[in-house]
Amino acid sequence: MAVITADPVTDAPRIARSPGFWHGVVQRICRDPVALIALSIIVLLVAIAIFAPYLAPHDPTKANVIRRLRPIGTPGHWLGTDELGRDMLSRLIYGTRLSLIMGVVPVPIAFVIGSTIGIIAGYAGGLTNTLIMRTVDVFYAFPSVLLAVALSGALGSGLANAMVSLTVVFIPQIARIAESVTTQVRGLDYVDAARASGARAPTIISVHILGNVLGPIFVFATSLISVSMILASGLSFLGLGARPPDAEWGLMLNTLRTAIYVNPLVAALPGVMIFITSISFNLFSDGLRSAMDVKS
């Protein structure tokens, strides 16, 4: 357990940055079987994405209409083939790359931008806080799905535009959390003491506030990855994300939707991958949040 030993004027409590705190977080995660299983699945998916060229048995874009919609268990195509006769196993393996990129990359970018905006608003307070947060609320007022579709439609279809849209969707959510926790920390005694000692705002934020607010913001951001995975797949399903012949799970669901009555098991495989990935990130986020709760 971390022990607070800080000078009341110059040193802020640094529980969130102490080695003992993070060592305890790791220990608590290791005692959580659900979080460990979820983390193992995430690591496996990342490994599959990295080594996709070595794991895929076939070219994911090579079509063969003679062998289209083969069922699961077909020799040489163990997970069947899609509507163009392309190997489903190979496409699912390669699809891990684009799906993880589209689902994961927007969150850390939004984390950096949203945290910066929220921390500045929370520390400054007053008119600055009002101007920043009311602007954020304009974007936050729209449902995530509607805002993502609207932005992607305005920017145009494509992988890059879809990720930009998702980043914009998550910035207001992270900014609100960052502003909330910063406002709470700003009123603590050690921050008032640092301010009374003559420390400037950048010093107070970097030394006394940042280390104590990034933890809750980070945990919230990790919970958004599962949402981002679903939204990214939804954009591709609507034709606003990845484009054919790219292998991406949402796009694969779109192209296979007409085959659901012919070969429903094969048509459902991309959806199964989306579900497994999103639930793994969600469960790991829950485990991380519990592990970082010092009171529990």
Protein backbone atom coordinates (compact mmCIF):
# COMPACT_ATOMS: atom_id res chain seq x y z
CA MET A 1 0.00 0.00 0.00
CA ALA A 2 1.34 3.44 -0.92
CA VAL A 3 2.24 5.77 1.98
CA ILE A 4 1.84 9.52 1.60
CA THR A 5 4.98 11.36 2.71
CA ALA A 6 4.79 14.84 1.29
CA ASP A 7 5.76 18.33 2.29
CA PRO A 8 2.50 20.29 2.62
CA VAL A 9 3.75 23.10 0.39
CA THR A 10 6.09 21.74 -2.28
CA ASP A 11 5.19 18.06 -2.63
CA ALA A 12 1.81 16.68 -3.65
CA PRO A 13 0.74 13.18 -2.68
CA ARG A 14 1.85 10.94 -5.49
CA ILE A 15 -0.05 7.73 -4.91
CA ALA A 16 -0.97 7.39 -8.55
CA ARG A 17 2.68 7.63 -9.59
CA SER A 18 4.32 5.60 -6.83
CA PRO A 19 5.88 2.23 -7.74
CA GLY A 20 4.02 0.59 -4.86
CA PHE A 21 0.67 1.66 -6.25
CA TRP A 22 1.30 0.18 -9.71
CA HIS A 23 2.81 -2.94 -8.18
CA GLY A 24 -0.43 -3.38 -6.25
CA VAL A 25 -2.47 -2.82 -9.40
CA VAL A 26 -0.56 -5.58 -11.20
CA GLN A 27 -1.00 -7.92 -8.24
CA ARG A 28 -4.74 -7.32 -8.09
CA ILE A 29 -5.10 -7.89 -11.83
CA CYS A 30 -3.15 -11.15 -11.51
CA ARG A 31 -5.68 -12.28 -8.89
CA ASP A 32 -8.60 -11.50 -11.20
CA PRO A 33 -9.14 -14.51 -13.50
CA VAL A 34 -11.66 -12.70 -15.70
CA ALA A 35 -9.28 -9.80 -16.34
CA LEU A 36 -6.42 -12.22 -17.03
CA ILE A 37 -8.48 -14.17 -19.57
CA ALA A 38 -9.57 -10.95 -21.25
CA LEU A 39 -5.98 -9.69 -21.36
CA SER A 40 -4.80 -13.02 -22.80
CA ILE A 41 -7.38 -12.75 -25.60
CA ILE A 42 -6.30 -9.18 -26.34
CA VAL A 43 -2.63 -10.18 -26.48
CA LEU A 44 -3.54 -13.11 -28.75
CA LEU A 45 -5.45 -10.81 -31.10
CA VAL A 46 -2.53 -8.39 -31.25
CA ALA A 47 -0.18 -11.28 -32.04
CA ILE A 48 -2.52 -12.48 -34.79
CA ALA A 49 -2.59 -8.99 -36.28
CA ILE A 50 1.20 -8.72 -36.24
CA PHE A 51 1.90 -12.16 -37.67
CA ALA A 52 -1.08 -12.30 -40.05
CA PRO A 53 1.06 -12.98 -43.18
CA TYR A 54 2.56 -16.04 -41.49
CA LEU A 55 -0.70 -17.35 -40.01
CA ALA A 56 -3.11 -16.91 -42.92
CA PRO A 57 -3.24 -20.08 -45.07
CA HIS A 58 -4.47 -18.23 -48.20
CA ASP A 59 -4.43 -14.84 -49.86
CA PRO A 60 -7.38 -12.99 -48.24
CA THR A 61 -8.23 -11.16 -51.47
CA LYS A 62 -8.01 -14.09 -53.90
CA ALA A 63 -11.49 -14.94 -55.15
CA ASN A 64 -12.77 -18.22 -56.57
CA VAL A 65 -16.48 -18.11 -57.40
CA ILE A 66 -16.53 -21.86 -57.95
CA ARG A 67 -15.83 -22.37 -54.24
CA ARG A 68 -18.11 -19.60 -52.91
CA LEU A 69 -19.99 -20.01 -49.60
CA ARG A 70 -18.39 -23.32 -48.68
CA PRO A 71 -19.44 -24.45 -45.18
CA ILE A 72 -17.26 -24.59 -42.08
CA GLY A 73 -15.02 -27.67 -42.09
CA THR A 74 -14.37 -27.72 -45.84
CA PRO A 75 -10.93 -29.27 -46.44
CA GLY A 76 -8.46 -26.48 -47.17
CA HIS A 77 -10.96 -23.87 -45.95
CA TRP A 78 -11.62 -24.80 -42.33
CA LEU A 79 -13.88 -21.80 -41.69
CA GLY A 80 -15.49 -21.93 -45.12
CA THR A 81 -15.45 -19.29 -47.85
CA ASP A 82 -17.28 -16.02 -48.38
CA GLU A 83 -19.57 -14.85 -51.18
CA LEU A 84 -16.62 -14.57 -53.59
CA GLY A 85 -14.95 -17.81 -52.60
CA ARG A 86 -12.27 -16.16 -50.48
CA ASP A 87 -10.94 -18.11 -47.49
CA MET A 88 -12.76 -16.95 -44.36
CA LEU A 89 -9.99 -17.92 -41.94
CA SER A 90 -7.46 -15.82 -43.87
CA ARG A 91 -9.83 -12.87 -44.06
CA LEU A 92 -10.63 -13.05 -40.35
CA ILE A 93 -6.92 -13.13 -39.53
CA TYR A 94 -6.12 -10.16 -41.76
CA GLY A 95 -9.28 -8.44 -40.59
CA THR A 96 -7.83 -8.37 -37.09
CA ARG A 97 -5.35 -5.75 -38.28
CA LEU A 98 -7.79 -3.21 -39.64
CA SER A 99 -10.38 -3.85 -36.95
CA LEU A 100 -7.89 -3.28 -34.12
CA ILE A 101 -6.42 -0.22 -35.82
CA MET A 102 -9.84 1.33 -36.36
CA GLY A 103 -11.04 0.42 -32.88
CA VAL A 104 -7.97 1.18 -30.78
CA VAL A 105 -6.10 4.06 -32.43
CA PRO A 106 -8.84 6.74 -31.99
CA VAL A 107 -8.98 6.19 -28.22
CA PRO A 108 -5.38 7.14 -27.26
CA ILE A 109 -5.54 10.15 -29.59
CA ALA A 110 -8.80 11.24 -27.98
CA PHE A 111 -7.26 10.51 -24.56
CA VAL A 112 -4.42 12.98 -25.15
CA ILE A 113 -6.60 15.73 -26.65
CA GLY A 114 -9.57 15.25 -24.32
CA SER A 115 -7.39 15.06 -21.19
CA THR A 116 -5.59 18.26 -22.14
CA ILE A 117 -8.84 20.11 -22.76
CA GLY A 118 -10.50 18.80 -19.60
CA ILE A 119 -7.53 19.43 -17.30
CA ILE A 120 -7.14 23.01 -18.55
CA ALA A 121 -10.87 23.65 -18.10
CA GLY A 122 -10.96 22.02 -14.67
CA TYR A 123 -7.94 23.91 -13.33
CA ALA A 124 -8.79 27.29 -14.83
CA GLY A 125 -12.43 27.30 -13.77
CA GLY A 126 -14.60 30.36 -14.21
CA LEU A 127 -15.21 31.73 -17.68
CA THR A 128 -12.54 29.55 -19.27
CA ASN A 129 -14.21 26.43 -17.91
CA THR A 130 -17.61 27.62 -19.09
CA LEU A 131 -16.44 28.38 -22.64
CA ILE A 132 -14.57 25.09 -23.05
CA MET A 133 -17.15 22.82 -21.46
CA ARG A 134 -20.15 24.38 -23.21
CA THR A 135 -18.37 23.84 -26.52
CA VAL A 136 -17.69 20.24 -25.51
CA ASP A 137 -21.33 19.79 -24.53
CA VAL A 138 -22.42 20.65 -28.07
CA PHE A 139 -20.69 17.49 -29.33
CA TYR A 140 -21.56 15.47 -26.21
CA ALA A 141 -25.27 16.14 -26.73
CA PHE A 142 -25.37 13.90 -29.81
CA PRO A 143 -25.48 10.09 -29.47
CA SER A 144 -22.11 8.53 -30.31
CA VAL A 145 -23.45 6.48 -33.21
CA LEU A 146 -25.26 9.41 -34.80
CA LEU A 147 -22.27 11.73 -34.43
CA ALA A 148 -19.85 9.15 -35.85
CA VAL A 149 -22.08 8.48 -38.87
CA ALA A 150 -22.65 12.19 -39.47
CA LEU A 151 -18.96 13.05 -39.30
CA SER A 152 -17.94 10.10 -41.47
CA GLY A 153 -20.61 11.01 -44.01
CA ALA A 154 -19.39 14.61 -44.09
CA LEU A 155 -15.71 13.66 -44.39
CA GLY A 156 -16.31 10.82 -46.83
CA SER A 157 -15.74 7.10 -46.60
CA GLY A 158 -12.30 5.73 -45.88
CA LEU A 159 -10.20 4.32 -43.06
CA ALA A 160 -8.55 7.62 -42.09
CA ASN A 161 -11.80 9.59 -42.07
CA ALA A 162 -13.52 6.94 -39.98
CA MET A 163 -10.77 7.12 -37.35
CA VAL A 164 -10.94 10.93 -37.33
CA SER A 165 -14.69 10.70 -36.77
CA LEU A 166 -14.29 8.27 -33.88
CA THR A 167 -11.61 10.44 -32.31
CA VAL A 168 -13.92 13.46 -32.41
CA VAL A 169 -16.71 11.36 -30.86
CA PHE A 170 -14.59 10.34 -27.86
CA ILE A 171 -12.86 13.67 -27.14
CA PRO A 172 -15.92 15.25 -25.43
CA GLN A 173 -16.51 12.18 -23.27
CA ILE A 174 -12.91 12.08 -22.05
CA ALA A 175 -12.82 15.86 -21.61
CA ARG A 176 -15.84 15.77 -19.29
CA ILE A 177 -14.23 13.11 -17.09
CA ALA A 178 -10.92 15.01 -17.07
CA GLU A 179 -12.63 18.26 -16.12
CA SER A 180 -14.57 16.57 -13.33
CA VAL A 181 -11.60 14.89 -11.64
CA THR A 182 -9.39 17.96 -12.10
CA THR A 183 -11.99 20.17 -10.44
CA GLN A 184 -12.02 17.81 -7.45
CA VAL A 185 -8.22 17.69 -7.15
CA ARG A 186 -7.86 21.46 -7.66
CA GLY A 187 -9.67 22.12 -4.39
CA LEU A 188 -7.45 19.89 -2.24
CA ASP A 189 -5.17 21.39 0.42
CA TYR A 190 -1.84 20.50 -1.18
CA VAL A 191 -2.82 22.28 -4.41
CA ASP A 192 -3.87 25.38 -2.45
CA ALA A 193 -0.57 25.25 -0.57
CA ALA A 194 1.40 25.01 -3.81
CA ARG A 195 -0.53 27.92 -5.25
CA ALA A 196 0.08 29.99 -2.08
CA SER A 197 3.80 29.25 -2.29
CA GLY A 198 3.94 31.03 -5.64
CA ALA A 199 4.07 28.02 -7.97
CA ARG A 200 2.83 28.78 -11.47
CA ALA A 201 -0.08 27.02 -13.13
CA PRO A 202 2.02 24.80 -15.47
CA THR A 203 4.08 23.61 -12.50
CA ILE A 204 1.03 22.92 -10.37
CA ILE A 205 -0.66 20.99 -13.18
CA SER A 206 2.41 18.91 -14.11
CA VAL A 207 3.64 18.21 -10.56
CA HIS A 208 0.61 18.25 -8.31
CA ILE A 209 -2.42 17.50 -10.49
CA LEU A 210 -1.46 15.45 -13.53
CA GLY A 211 -0.30 12.33 -11.71
CA ASN A 212 -3.44 12.21 -9.60
CA VAL A 213 -6.01 12.64 -12.38
CA LEU A 214 -4.55 10.58 -15.24
CA GLY A 215 -5.46 7.28 -13.54
CA PRO A 216 -9.26 7.75 -13.57
CA ILE A 217 -9.11 9.27 -17.05
CA PHE A 218 -7.03 6.37 -18.35
CA VAL A 219 -9.40 3.78 -16.91
CA PHE A 220 -12.37 5.52 -18.50
CA ALA A 221 -10.52 5.71 -21.83
CA THR A 222 -9.84 1.96 -21.80
CA SER A 223 -13.57 1.35 -21.40
CA LEU A 224 -14.14 3.27 -24.64
CA ILE A 225 -12.11 0.81 -26.72
CA SER A 226 -14.91 -1.74 -26.73
CA VAL A 227 -17.35 0.98 -27.84
CA SER A 228 -14.87 2.11 -30.48
CA MET A 229 -14.59 -1.43 -31.85
CA ILE A 230 -18.35 -1.63 -32.32
CA LEU A 231 -18.65 1.85 -33.81
CA ALA A 232 -15.74 1.24 -36.20
CA SER A 233 -17.31 -2.00 -37.39
CA GLY A 234 -20.64 -0.21 -37.77
CA LEU A 235 -19.09 2.47 -39.95
CA SER A 236 -17.50 -0.16 -42.18
CA PHE A 237 -20.81 -2.03 -42.32
CA LEU A 238 -22.47 1.17 -43.59
CA GLY A 239 -19.73 1.70 -46.18
CA LEU A 240 -18.14 4.63 -44.31
CA GLY A 241 -15.01 2.84 -43.11
CA ALA A 242 -12.86 0.21 -44.78
CA ARG A 243 -13.43 -0.35 -48.49
CA PRO A 244 -13.50 -3.58 -50.53
CA PRO A 245 -11.51 -5.71 -50.99
CA ASP A 246 -9.98 -4.91 -47.57
CA ALA A 247 -10.53 -7.53 -44.89
CA GLU A 248 -12.31 -5.81 -41.99
CA TRP A 249 -14.89 -7.47 -39.76
CA GLY A 250 -17.62 -4.84 -40.17
CA LEU A 251 -17.17 -4.75 -43.92
CA MET A 252 -17.23 -8.56 -44.02
CA LEU A 253 -20.54 -8.54 -42.19
CA ASN A 254 -21.91 -6.18 -44.81
CA THR A 255 -20.80 -8.27 -47.79
CA LEU A 256 -22.01 -11.51 -46.17
CA ARG A 257 -25.44 -10.24 -45.12
CA THR A 258 -27.06 -11.65 -48.28
CA ALA A 259 -25.62 -15.10 -47.51
CA ILE A 260 -27.11 -15.39 -44.04
CA TYR A 261 -29.94 -17.63 -45.29
CA VAL A 262 -27.59 -19.79 -47.36
CA ASN A 263 -24.71 -20.23 -44.91
CA PRO A 264 -25.54 -18.50 -41.61
CA LEU A 265 -22.58 -19.88 -39.66
CA VAL A 266 -20.02 -18.44 -42.05
CA ALA A 267 -21.92 -15.15 -42.26
CA ALA A 268 -21.87 -14.85 -38.45
CA LEU A 269 -18.11 -15.35 -38.02
CA PRO A 270 -17.11 -11.65 -38.32
CA GLY A 271 -19.79 -10.75 -35.79
CA VAL A 272 -18.42 -13.36 -33.40
CA MET A 273 -14.95 -11.82 -33.70
CA ILE A 274 -16.32 -8.34 -33.05
CA PHE A 275 -18.17 -9.61 -29.98
CA ILE A 276 -15.17 -11.47 -28.55
CA THR A 277 -12.85 -8.50 -29.06
CA SER A 278 -15.18 -5.87 -27.64
CA ILE A 279 -16.16 -7.95 -24.61
CA SER A 280 -12.49 -8.70 -23.90
CA PHE A 281 -11.60 -5.00 -23.84
CA ASN A 282 -14.66 -4.30 -21.72
CA LEU A 283 -13.88 -7.00 -19.15
CA PHE A 284 -10.23 -5.98 -18.94
CA SER A 285 -11.29 -2.37 -18.42
CA ASP A 286 -13.56 -3.46 -15.56
CA GLY A 287 -10.71 -5.43 -14.01
CA LEU A 288 -8.32 -2.48 -14.36
CA ARG A 289 -10.83 -0.14 -12.76
CA SER A 290 -11.25 -2.49 -9.80
CA ALA A 291 -7.49 -2.97 -9.48
CA MET A 292 -6.90 0.80 -9.39
CA ASP A 293 -9.55 1.35 -6.72
CA VAL A 294 -7.33 1.74 -3.67
CA LYS A 295 -10.28 1.80 -1.27
CA SER A 296 -11.43 -1.67 -2.36
